[in-house]
Amino acid sequence: MNDVAKTAWQEEIFGLLKGSGVRQVAWVPDAGHAHVISRVLGDPEMRGIVLTTEEEGVALACGAWLGGERAVLLLQSSGVGNCVNMLSLVSACRFPFVALVTMRGEWEEFNGWQVPMGRATPKVLEDMGVAVRRVDEPERVGETVRDALEAAFEAGEAVAVLLSQSLIGRKDWGSR
């Protein structure tokens, strides 16, 4: 996938977040979300929040909702394991919740440490009461993210969209 094609679906995500009234977007830095993060930081109507660990984003999303705003958490699949205990808050209090998860440990993964959590991510989320929608094709990203936003903010569900590693592309750390 070329850079223009990657940017198109990532720009679609940003447009959907903004169009659905999301005003707070939290993340632990991740190259797979770099375009959306850059767009959020450049938008005066949105607030980007850098986290030190992913579970802070779960609490932030719940607090945003209590304060009358919508928030989304951007994270990598390796960070899902850090959120398990905090997802109890979402389940017990029935907060609407949206997480956009870039997957690792699958297509063209070079780092074996990413594989176990990549495999476990869907089941971990489902076990914590989060509905999982997976997207592997750029042309399906928009409808999948739109569905997640509507399910969360109109029906009160907790939803994670798994953005496959084939969408993001191989991580490149330069010459090794």
N, C-alpha and C. Protein backbone atom coordinates (compact mmCIF):
# COMPACT_ATOMS: atom_id res chain seq x y z
N MET A 1 0.85 -1.18 0.00
CA MET A 1 0.00 0.00 0.00
C MET A 1 0.89 1.24 0.00
N ASN A 2 0.61 2.17 -0.90
CA ASN A 2 1.44 3.38 -0.96
C ASN A 2 1.01 4.40 0.10
N ASP A 3 1.84 5.43 0.26
CA ASP A 3 1.58 6.42 1.31
C ASP A 3 0.28 7.20 1.08
N VAL A 4 -0.07 7.47 -0.19
CA VAL A 4 -1.31 8.19 -0.48
C VAL A 4 -2.51 7.35 -0.05
N ALA A 5 -2.48 6.05 -0.36
CA ALA A 5 -3.59 5.18 0.04
C ALA A 5 -3.69 5.09 1.56
N LYS A 6 -2.54 5.02 2.25
CA LYS A 6 -2.56 4.98 3.72
C LYS A 6 -3.16 6.26 4.28
N THR A 7 -2.75 7.37 3.74
CA THR A 7 -3.23 8.66 4.25
C THR A 7 -4.73 8.81 4.03
N ALA A 8 -5.26 8.27 2.93
CA ALA A 8 -6.69 8.43 2.64
C ALA A 8 -7.56 7.81 3.73
N TRP A 9 -7.29 6.59 4.13
CA TRP A 9 -8.15 5.98 5.16
C TRP A 9 -7.88 6.59 6.53
N GLN A 10 -6.66 7.03 6.76
CA GLN A 10 -6.38 7.68 8.04
C GLN A 10 -7.06 9.05 8.11
N GLU A 11 -7.10 9.75 6.99
CA GLU A 11 -7.82 11.02 6.95
C GLU A 11 -9.31 10.79 7.14
N GLU A 12 -9.82 9.70 6.60
CA GLU A 12 -11.23 9.35 6.80
C GLU A 12 -11.52 9.13 8.29
N ILE A 13 -10.62 8.49 8.98
CA ILE A 13 -10.80 8.30 10.43
C ILE A 13 -10.88 9.65 11.12
N PHE A 14 -9.95 10.55 10.81
CA PHE A 14 -9.98 11.87 11.45
C PHE A 14 -11.31 12.57 11.17
N GLY A 15 -11.75 12.54 9.92
CA GLY A 15 -13.02 13.19 9.57
C GLY A 15 -14.20 12.60 10.33
N LEU A 16 -14.20 11.29 10.51
CA LEU A 16 -15.28 10.64 11.26
C LEU A 16 -15.25 11.02 12.73
N LEU A 17 -14.05 11.09 13.31
CA LEU A 17 -13.95 11.48 14.72
C LEU A 17 -14.49 12.90 14.90
N LYS A 18 -14.02 13.79 14.06
CA LYS A 18 -14.45 15.19 14.17
C LYS A 18 -15.95 15.33 13.89
N GLY A 19 -16.42 14.65 12.85
CA GLY A 19 -17.83 14.73 12.47
C GLY A 19 -18.77 14.13 13.49
N SER A 20 -18.29 13.20 14.28
CA SER A 20 -19.15 12.57 15.29
C SER A 20 -19.08 13.27 16.64
N GLY A 21 -18.36 14.38 16.69
CA GLY A 21 -18.34 15.16 17.92
C GLY A 21 -17.28 14.74 18.92
N VAL A 22 -16.34 13.92 18.50
CA VAL A 22 -15.23 13.56 19.41
C VAL A 22 -14.37 14.81 19.59
N ARG A 23 -14.12 15.17 20.83
CA ARG A 23 -13.33 16.36 21.13
C ARG A 23 -12.03 16.05 21.86
N GLN A 24 -11.93 14.85 22.42
CA GLN A 24 -10.70 14.46 23.11
C GLN A 24 -10.20 13.14 22.50
N VAL A 25 -8.94 13.15 22.11
CA VAL A 25 -8.32 11.96 21.54
C VAL A 25 -7.03 11.71 22.32
N ALA A 26 -6.94 10.53 22.91
CA ALA A 26 -5.80 10.19 23.76
C ALA A 26 -4.98 9.08 23.12
N TRP A 27 -3.68 9.09 23.34
CA TRP A 27 -2.81 8.07 22.76
C TRP A 27 -1.50 7.94 23.50
N VAL A 28 -0.92 6.77 23.37
CA VAL A 28 0.50 6.54 23.60
C VAL A 28 1.10 6.59 22.21
N PRO A 29 2.17 7.36 22.00
CA PRO A 29 2.68 7.53 20.63
C PRO A 29 2.82 6.21 19.87
N ASP A 30 2.33 6.22 18.62
CA ASP A 30 2.32 5.04 17.76
C ASP A 30 2.35 5.51 16.31
N ALA A 31 3.30 5.00 15.55
CA ALA A 31 3.43 5.42 14.15
C ALA A 31 2.18 5.11 13.34
N GLY A 32 1.48 4.05 13.67
CA GLY A 32 0.27 3.69 12.93
C GLY A 32 -0.84 4.71 13.04
N HIS A 33 -0.82 5.50 14.09
CA HIS A 33 -1.84 6.54 14.28
C HIS A 33 -1.27 7.93 14.00
N ALA A 34 -0.07 8.01 13.46
CA ALA A 34 0.61 9.30 13.33
C ALA A 34 -0.20 10.34 12.55
N HIS A 35 -0.85 9.96 11.47
CA HIS A 35 -1.61 10.93 10.68
C HIS A 35 -2.78 11.49 11.49
N VAL A 36 -3.53 10.63 12.12
CA VAL A 36 -4.69 11.10 12.91
C VAL A 36 -4.20 11.97 14.07
N ILE A 37 -3.13 11.57 14.72
CA ILE A 37 -2.58 12.37 15.82
C ILE A 37 -2.18 13.76 15.32
N SER A 38 -1.51 13.81 14.20
CA SER A 38 -1.10 15.09 13.64
C SER A 38 -2.31 15.98 13.32
N ARG A 39 -3.35 15.39 12.75
CA ARG A 39 -4.56 16.16 12.42
C ARG A 39 -5.26 16.65 13.69
N VAL A 40 -5.32 15.82 14.72
CA VAL A 40 -5.95 16.23 15.98
C VAL A 40 -5.18 17.41 16.58
N LEU A 41 -3.85 17.29 16.60
CA LEU A 41 -3.03 18.36 17.19
C LEU A 41 -3.18 19.68 16.43
N GLY A 42 -3.50 19.61 15.15
CA GLY A 42 -3.66 20.81 14.35
C GLY A 42 -5.06 21.38 14.34
N ASP A 43 -5.98 20.73 15.03
CA ASP A 43 -7.37 21.17 15.02
C ASP A 43 -7.71 21.88 16.34
N PRO A 44 -8.05 23.16 16.28
CA PRO A 44 -8.32 23.89 17.53
C PRO A 44 -9.59 23.43 18.26
N GLU A 45 -10.45 22.67 17.58
CA GLU A 45 -11.68 22.19 18.23
C GLU A 45 -11.48 20.85 18.94
N MET A 46 -10.29 20.26 18.75
CA MET A 46 -10.04 18.95 19.36
C MET A 46 -8.86 19.06 20.30
N ARG A 47 -8.85 18.17 21.27
CA ARG A 47 -7.77 18.16 22.23
C ARG A 47 -7.05 16.81 22.16
N GLY A 48 -5.78 16.86 21.87
CA GLY A 48 -4.97 15.65 21.86
C GLY A 48 -4.27 15.49 23.19
N ILE A 49 -4.31 14.29 23.73
CA ILE A 49 -3.74 14.03 25.04
C ILE A 49 -2.74 12.87 24.95
N VAL A 50 -1.50 13.15 25.22
CA VAL A 50 -0.47 12.11 25.23
C VAL A 50 -0.49 11.42 26.59
N LEU A 51 -0.53 10.11 26.56
CA LEU A 51 -0.60 9.31 27.78
C LEU A 51 0.75 8.70 28.09
N THR A 52 0.95 8.33 29.35
CA THR A 52 2.15 7.59 29.69
C THR A 52 1.90 6.09 29.60
N THR A 53 0.64 5.67 29.71
CA THR A 53 0.29 4.27 29.54
C THR A 53 -1.18 4.20 29.09
N GLU A 54 -1.52 3.16 28.39
CA GLU A 54 -2.81 3.08 27.70
C GLU A 54 -4.01 3.10 28.64
N GLU A 55 -3.88 2.49 29.81
CA GLU A 55 -5.05 2.45 30.70
C GLU A 55 -5.50 3.83 31.15
N GLU A 56 -4.59 4.79 31.15
CA GLU A 56 -5.00 6.17 31.45
C GLU A 56 -6.03 6.66 30.44
N GLY A 57 -5.91 6.19 29.22
CA GLY A 57 -6.85 6.59 28.17
C GLY A 57 -8.25 6.05 28.40
N VAL A 58 -8.35 4.88 29.01
CA VAL A 58 -9.67 4.34 29.34
C VAL A 58 -10.35 5.26 30.35
N ALA A 59 -9.62 5.61 31.40
CA ALA A 59 -10.18 6.51 32.42
C ALA A 59 -10.49 7.88 31.83
N LEU A 60 -9.62 8.36 30.97
CA LEU A 60 -9.84 9.66 30.33
C LEU A 60 -11.14 9.65 29.52
N ALA A 61 -11.37 8.57 28.76
CA ALA A 61 -12.58 8.49 27.94
C ALA A 61 -13.83 8.48 28.83
N CYS A 62 -13.76 7.78 29.95
CA CYS A 62 -14.90 7.75 30.88
C CYS A 62 -15.12 9.14 31.49
N GLY A 63 -14.04 9.79 31.89
CA GLY A 63 -14.15 11.13 32.46
C GLY A 63 -14.67 12.14 31.46
N ALA A 64 -14.25 12.02 30.22
CA ALA A 64 -14.75 12.93 29.18
C ALA A 64 -16.27 12.79 29.05
N TRP A 65 -16.73 11.55 29.07
CA TRP A 65 -18.18 11.32 28.94
C TRP A 65 -18.93 11.93 30.12
N LEU A 66 -18.39 11.75 31.31
CA LEU A 66 -19.04 12.35 32.49
C LEU A 66 -19.05 13.88 32.40
N GLY A 67 -18.05 14.45 31.74
CA GLY A 67 -17.97 15.89 31.56
C GLY A 67 -18.72 16.40 30.34
N GLY A 68 -19.42 15.51 29.64
CA GLY A 68 -20.23 15.93 28.51
C GLY A 68 -19.51 15.94 27.17
N GLU A 69 -18.34 15.30 27.10
CA GLU A 69 -17.61 15.25 25.84
C GLU A 69 -17.38 13.80 25.41
N ARG A 70 -17.07 13.68 24.14
CA ARG A 70 -16.75 12.36 23.58
C ARG A 70 -15.23 12.25 23.41
N ALA A 71 -14.70 11.07 23.74
CA ALA A 71 -13.27 10.82 23.61
C ALA A 71 -13.05 9.47 22.95
N VAL A 72 -11.91 9.34 22.31
CA VAL A 72 -11.49 8.08 21.68
C VAL A 72 -10.06 7.79 22.10
N LEU A 73 -9.75 6.53 22.31
CA LEU A 73 -8.41 6.08 22.66
C LEU A 73 -7.75 5.45 21.44
N LEU A 74 -6.55 5.92 21.10
CA LEU A 74 -5.75 5.34 20.04
C LEU A 74 -4.62 4.55 20.70
N LEU A 75 -4.46 3.30 20.31
CA LEU A 75 -3.40 2.49 20.91
C LEU A 75 -2.98 1.38 19.97
N GLN A 76 -1.90 0.75 20.32
CA GLN A 76 -1.38 -0.41 19.60
C GLN A 76 -1.81 -1.66 20.35
N SER A 77 -1.91 -2.77 19.65
CA SER A 77 -2.37 -4.01 20.28
C SER A 77 -1.56 -4.38 21.51
N SER A 78 -0.28 -4.07 21.54
CA SER A 78 0.52 -4.39 22.73
C SER A 78 0.04 -3.62 23.95
N GLY A 79 -0.62 -2.49 23.75
CA GLY A 79 -1.15 -1.69 24.86
C GLY A 79 -2.47 -2.18 25.40
N VAL A 80 -3.15 -3.05 24.68
CA VAL A 80 -4.43 -3.58 25.15
C VAL A 80 -4.24 -4.33 26.46
N GLY A 81 -3.12 -5.04 26.58
CA GLY A 81 -2.86 -5.77 27.82
C GLY A 81 -2.76 -4.85 29.03
N ASN A 82 -2.31 -3.61 28.81
CA ASN A 82 -2.23 -2.65 29.91
C ASN A 82 -3.59 -2.13 30.35
N CYS A 83 -4.62 -2.35 29.54
CA CYS A 83 -5.94 -1.77 29.81
C CYS A 83 -6.91 -2.72 30.52
N VAL A 84 -6.54 -3.96 30.70
CA VAL A 84 -7.50 -4.97 31.14
C VAL A 84 -8.23 -4.56 32.42
N ASN A 85 -7.51 -4.22 33.47
CA ASN A 85 -8.16 -3.88 34.73
C ASN A 85 -9.04 -2.63 34.58
N MET A 86 -8.56 -1.64 33.87
CA MET A 86 -9.32 -0.39 33.72
C MET A 86 -10.58 -0.59 32.87
N LEU A 87 -10.58 -1.58 31.98
CA LEU A 87 -11.79 -1.84 31.20
C LEU A 87 -12.94 -2.32 32.09
N SER A 88 -12.64 -2.73 33.32
CA SER A 88 -13.71 -3.05 34.27
C SER A 88 -14.56 -1.82 34.55
N LEU A 89 -13.94 -0.65 34.57
CA LEU A 89 -14.67 0.61 34.77
C LEU A 89 -15.70 0.81 33.65
N VAL A 90 -15.29 0.57 32.43
CA VAL A 90 -16.19 0.73 31.28
C VAL A 90 -17.37 -0.22 31.42
N SER A 91 -17.07 -1.46 31.75
CA SER A 91 -18.12 -2.48 31.86
C SER A 91 -19.05 -2.22 33.04
N ALA A 92 -18.48 -1.99 34.22
CA ALA A 92 -19.30 -1.84 35.43
C ALA A 92 -20.17 -0.59 35.38
N CYS A 93 -19.66 0.47 34.79
CA CYS A 93 -20.40 1.74 34.75
C CYS A 93 -21.09 1.98 33.42
N ARG A 94 -20.93 1.04 32.50
CA ARG A 94 -21.58 1.11 31.18
C ARG A 94 -21.29 2.40 30.44
N PHE A 95 -20.02 2.77 30.42
CA PHE A 95 -19.61 3.95 29.66
C PHE A 95 -19.54 3.62 28.19
N PRO A 96 -19.94 4.54 27.33
CA PRO A 96 -19.64 4.36 25.92
C PRO A 96 -18.12 4.46 25.75
N PHE A 97 -17.56 3.65 24.87
CA PHE A 97 -16.11 3.61 24.76
C PHE A 97 -15.71 3.20 23.35
N VAL A 98 -14.75 3.93 22.78
CA VAL A 98 -14.21 3.58 21.47
C VAL A 98 -12.70 3.57 21.55
N ALA A 99 -12.11 2.47 21.08
CA ALA A 99 -10.66 2.36 20.95
C ALA A 99 -10.34 1.97 19.52
N LEU A 100 -9.37 2.67 18.95
CA LEU A 100 -8.86 2.31 17.62
C LEU A 100 -7.49 1.70 17.84
N VAL A 101 -7.36 0.42 17.50
CA VAL A 101 -6.18 -0.36 17.86
C VAL A 101 -5.41 -0.74 16.59
N THR A 102 -4.17 -0.26 16.47
CA THR A 102 -3.32 -0.74 15.38
C THR A 102 -2.72 -2.07 15.82
N MET A 103 -2.83 -3.05 14.94
CA MET A 103 -2.40 -4.40 15.30
C MET A 103 -0.91 -4.60 15.03
N ARG A 104 -0.30 -5.37 15.90
CA ARG A 104 1.06 -5.87 15.72
C ARG A 104 1.00 -7.38 15.90
N GLY A 105 2.10 -8.03 15.55
CA GLY A 105 2.17 -9.48 15.75
C GLY A 105 1.49 -10.29 14.68
N GLU A 106 1.25 -9.70 13.54
CA GLU A 106 0.62 -10.46 12.45
C GLU A 106 1.38 -10.19 11.16
N TRP A 107 0.76 -9.81 10.12
CA TRP A 107 1.33 -9.66 8.78
C TRP A 107 2.69 -8.96 8.80
N GLU A 108 3.72 -9.64 8.32
CA GLU A 108 5.09 -9.13 8.18
C GLU A 108 5.71 -8.63 9.49
N GLU A 109 5.27 -9.19 10.61
CA GLU A 109 5.85 -8.79 11.90
C GLU A 109 7.29 -9.31 12.00
N PHE A 110 8.20 -8.46 12.39
CA PHE A 110 9.58 -8.88 12.56
C PHE A 110 9.95 -9.04 14.03
N ASN A 111 9.12 -8.52 14.92
CA ASN A 111 9.42 -8.54 16.35
C ASN A 111 8.58 -9.61 17.04
N GLY A 112 9.21 -10.70 17.39
CA GLY A 112 8.50 -11.81 18.01
C GLY A 112 7.80 -11.48 19.32
N TRP A 113 8.23 -10.43 20.01
CA TRP A 113 7.59 -10.02 21.27
C TRP A 113 6.17 -9.49 21.02
N GLN A 114 5.89 -9.07 19.80
CA GLN A 114 4.56 -8.52 19.49
C GLN A 114 3.52 -9.61 19.19
N VAL A 115 3.98 -10.81 18.89
CA VAL A 115 3.07 -11.86 18.43
C VAL A 115 2.07 -12.33 19.49
N PRO A 116 2.49 -12.67 20.71
CA PRO A 116 1.51 -13.18 21.68
C PRO A 116 0.37 -12.19 21.97
N MET A 117 0.69 -10.92 22.19
CA MET A 117 -0.39 -9.95 22.50
C MET A 117 -1.22 -9.67 21.25
N GLY A 118 -0.58 -9.69 20.08
CA GLY A 118 -1.35 -9.52 18.85
C GLY A 118 -2.40 -10.62 18.71
N ARG A 119 -2.01 -11.84 19.01
CA ARG A 119 -2.97 -12.96 18.93
C ARG A 119 -4.06 -12.84 19.99
N ALA A 120 -3.69 -12.37 21.17
CA ALA A 120 -4.63 -12.34 22.30
C ALA A 120 -5.57 -11.13 22.28
N THR A 121 -5.22 -10.10 21.56
CA THR A 121 -5.97 -8.84 21.63
C THR A 121 -7.48 -8.99 21.43
N PRO A 122 -7.97 -9.64 20.36
CA PRO A 122 -9.44 -9.73 20.22
C PRO A 122 -10.11 -10.41 21.40
N LYS A 123 -9.55 -11.52 21.85
CA LYS A 123 -10.17 -12.27 22.95
C LYS A 123 -10.12 -11.48 24.26
N VAL A 124 -9.01 -10.82 24.52
CA VAL A 124 -8.90 -10.02 25.75
C VAL A 124 -9.98 -8.94 25.76
N LEU A 125 -10.13 -8.25 24.66
CA LEU A 125 -11.14 -7.19 24.59
C LEU A 125 -12.54 -7.78 24.76
N GLU A 126 -12.82 -8.86 24.05
CA GLU A 126 -14.15 -9.47 24.16
C GLU A 126 -14.42 -9.96 25.58
N ASP A 127 -13.42 -10.56 26.21
CA ASP A 127 -13.60 -11.04 27.58
C ASP A 127 -13.89 -9.89 28.56
N MET A 128 -13.44 -8.69 28.22
CA MET A 128 -13.70 -7.52 29.07
C MET A 128 -14.97 -6.78 28.65
N GLY A 129 -15.74 -7.37 27.75
CA GLY A 129 -17.03 -6.78 27.37
C GLY A 129 -16.96 -5.76 26.25
N VAL A 130 -15.84 -5.71 25.55
CA VAL A 130 -15.68 -4.76 24.45
C VAL A 130 -15.97 -5.49 23.14
N ALA A 131 -16.92 -4.96 22.37
CA ALA A 131 -17.21 -5.53 21.05
C ALA A 131 -16.04 -5.23 20.12
N VAL A 132 -15.66 -6.19 19.32
CA VAL A 132 -14.50 -6.06 18.44
C VAL A 132 -14.94 -6.07 16.99
N ARG A 133 -14.47 -5.06 16.26
CA ARG A 133 -14.65 -5.01 14.81
C ARG A 133 -13.26 -4.93 14.21
N ARG A 134 -13.00 -5.81 13.27
CA ARG A 134 -11.69 -5.86 12.64
C ARG A 134 -11.81 -5.37 11.20
N VAL A 135 -10.81 -4.62 10.76
CA VAL A 135 -10.80 -4.16 9.38
C VAL A 135 -9.44 -4.44 8.77
N ASP A 136 -9.48 -5.07 7.57
CA ASP A 136 -8.26 -5.45 6.85
C ASP A 136 -8.09 -4.71 5.54
N GLU A 137 -9.14 -4.05 5.07
CA GLU A 137 -9.11 -3.42 3.75
C GLU A 137 -9.35 -1.92 3.90
N PRO A 138 -8.55 -1.11 3.21
CA PRO A 138 -8.69 0.35 3.36
C PRO A 138 -10.09 0.87 3.07
N GLU A 139 -10.75 0.27 2.10
CA GLU A 139 -12.09 0.75 1.73
C GLU A 139 -13.16 0.42 2.77
N ARG A 140 -12.83 -0.39 3.76
CA ARG A 140 -13.79 -0.74 4.82
C ARG A 140 -13.51 0.02 6.12
N VAL A 141 -12.44 0.77 6.17
CA VAL A 141 -12.08 1.47 7.41
C VAL A 141 -13.18 2.46 7.80
N GLY A 142 -13.62 3.28 6.87
CA GLY A 142 -14.60 4.31 7.20
C GLY A 142 -15.90 3.75 7.76
N GLU A 143 -16.46 2.78 7.08
CA GLU A 143 -17.74 2.22 7.55
C GLU A 143 -17.57 1.51 8.89
N THR A 144 -16.41 0.90 9.12
CA THR A 144 -16.18 0.19 10.37
C THR A 144 -16.02 1.17 11.53
N VAL A 145 -15.28 2.23 11.31
CA VAL A 145 -15.09 3.23 12.38
C VAL A 145 -16.41 3.97 12.62
N ARG A 146 -17.13 4.30 11.57
CA ARG A 146 -18.43 4.96 11.73
C ARG A 146 -19.37 4.10 12.56
N ASP A 147 -19.40 2.81 12.27
CA ASP A 147 -20.24 1.88 13.03
C ASP A 147 -19.84 1.85 14.50
N ALA A 148 -18.55 1.86 14.75
CA ALA A 148 -18.07 1.83 16.15
C ALA A 148 -18.47 3.11 16.88
N LEU A 149 -18.32 4.24 16.23
CA LEU A 149 -18.67 5.52 16.87
C LEU A 149 -20.17 5.58 17.17
N GLU A 150 -20.99 5.12 16.23
CA GLU A 150 -22.44 5.12 16.45
C GLU A 150 -22.82 4.13 17.56
N ALA A 151 -22.21 2.95 17.54
CA ALA A 151 -22.52 1.95 18.58
C ALA A 151 -22.17 2.49 19.96
N ALA A 152 -21.06 3.19 20.06
CA ALA A 152 -20.65 3.71 21.36
C ALA A 152 -21.50 4.91 21.78
N PHE A 153 -21.55 5.92 20.95
CA PHE A 153 -22.12 7.19 21.39
C PHE A 153 -23.63 7.29 21.19
N GLU A 154 -24.23 6.38 20.44
CA GLU A 154 -25.68 6.37 20.29
C GLU A 154 -26.33 5.21 21.02
N ALA A 155 -25.62 4.09 21.17
CA ALA A 155 -26.20 2.93 21.83
C ALA A 155 -25.50 2.57 23.14
N GLY A 156 -24.46 3.32 23.50
CA GLY A 156 -23.79 3.11 24.78
C GLY A 156 -22.90 1.89 24.87
N GLU A 157 -22.41 1.40 23.74
CA GLU A 157 -21.57 0.21 23.75
C GLU A 157 -20.09 0.55 23.92
N ALA A 158 -19.32 -0.45 24.25
CA ALA A 158 -17.86 -0.37 24.25
C ALA A 158 -17.38 -1.11 23.02
N VAL A 159 -16.60 -0.43 22.18
CA VAL A 159 -16.21 -1.00 20.89
C VAL A 159 -14.74 -0.73 20.63
N ALA A 160 -14.06 -1.72 20.09
CA ALA A 160 -12.69 -1.54 19.61
C ALA A 160 -12.63 -1.90 18.13
N VAL A 161 -11.99 -1.05 17.36
CA VAL A 161 -11.75 -1.35 15.95
C VAL A 161 -10.28 -1.76 15.84
N LEU A 162 -10.06 -2.97 15.35
CA LEU A 162 -8.71 -3.47 15.15
C LEU A 162 -8.30 -3.17 13.71
N LEU A 163 -7.29 -2.33 13.57
CA LEU A 163 -6.77 -1.95 12.25
C LEU A 163 -5.60 -2.88 11.95
N SER A 164 -5.79 -3.79 11.01
CA SER A 164 -4.81 -4.85 10.78
C SER A 164 -3.45 -4.30 10.39
N GLN A 165 -2.45 -5.10 10.66
CA GLN A 165 -1.08 -4.69 10.35
C GLN A 165 -0.88 -4.56 8.84
N SER A 166 -1.69 -5.25 8.04
CA SER A 166 -1.57 -5.10 6.58
C SER A 166 -2.01 -3.71 6.14
N LEU A 167 -2.86 -3.04 6.90
CA LEU A 167 -3.24 -1.65 6.60
C LEU A 167 -2.09 -0.70 6.92
N ILE A 168 -1.47 -0.92 8.03
CA ILE A 168 -0.43 -0.02 8.53
C ILE A 168 0.87 -0.23 7.75
N GLY A 169 1.15 -1.46 7.43
CA GLY A 169 2.39 -1.78 6.74
C GLY A 169 3.45 -2.25 7.71
N ARG A 170 4.49 -2.79 7.17
CA ARG A 170 5.58 -3.32 7.97
C ARG A 170 6.26 -2.18 8.72
N LYS A 171 6.50 -2.41 10.00
CA LYS A 171 7.30 -1.45 10.77
C LYS A 171 8.70 -1.45 10.21
N ASP A 172 9.23 -0.29 10.01
CA ASP A 172 10.58 -0.17 9.46
C ASP A 172 11.44 0.61 10.44
N TRP A 173 12.40 -0.05 11.00
CA TRP A 173 13.31 0.59 11.95
C TRP A 173 14.63 0.95 11.26
N GLY A 174 14.61 1.02 9.92
CA GLY A 174 15.83 1.31 9.20
C GLY A 174 16.67 0.05 9.07
N SER A 175 17.90 0.20 8.74
CA SER A 175 18.74 -0.99 8.57
C SER A 175 19.05 -1.58 9.93
N ARG A 176 18.97 -2.89 10.00
CA ARG A 176 19.26 -3.60 11.24
C ARG A 176 20.52 -4.37 11.11
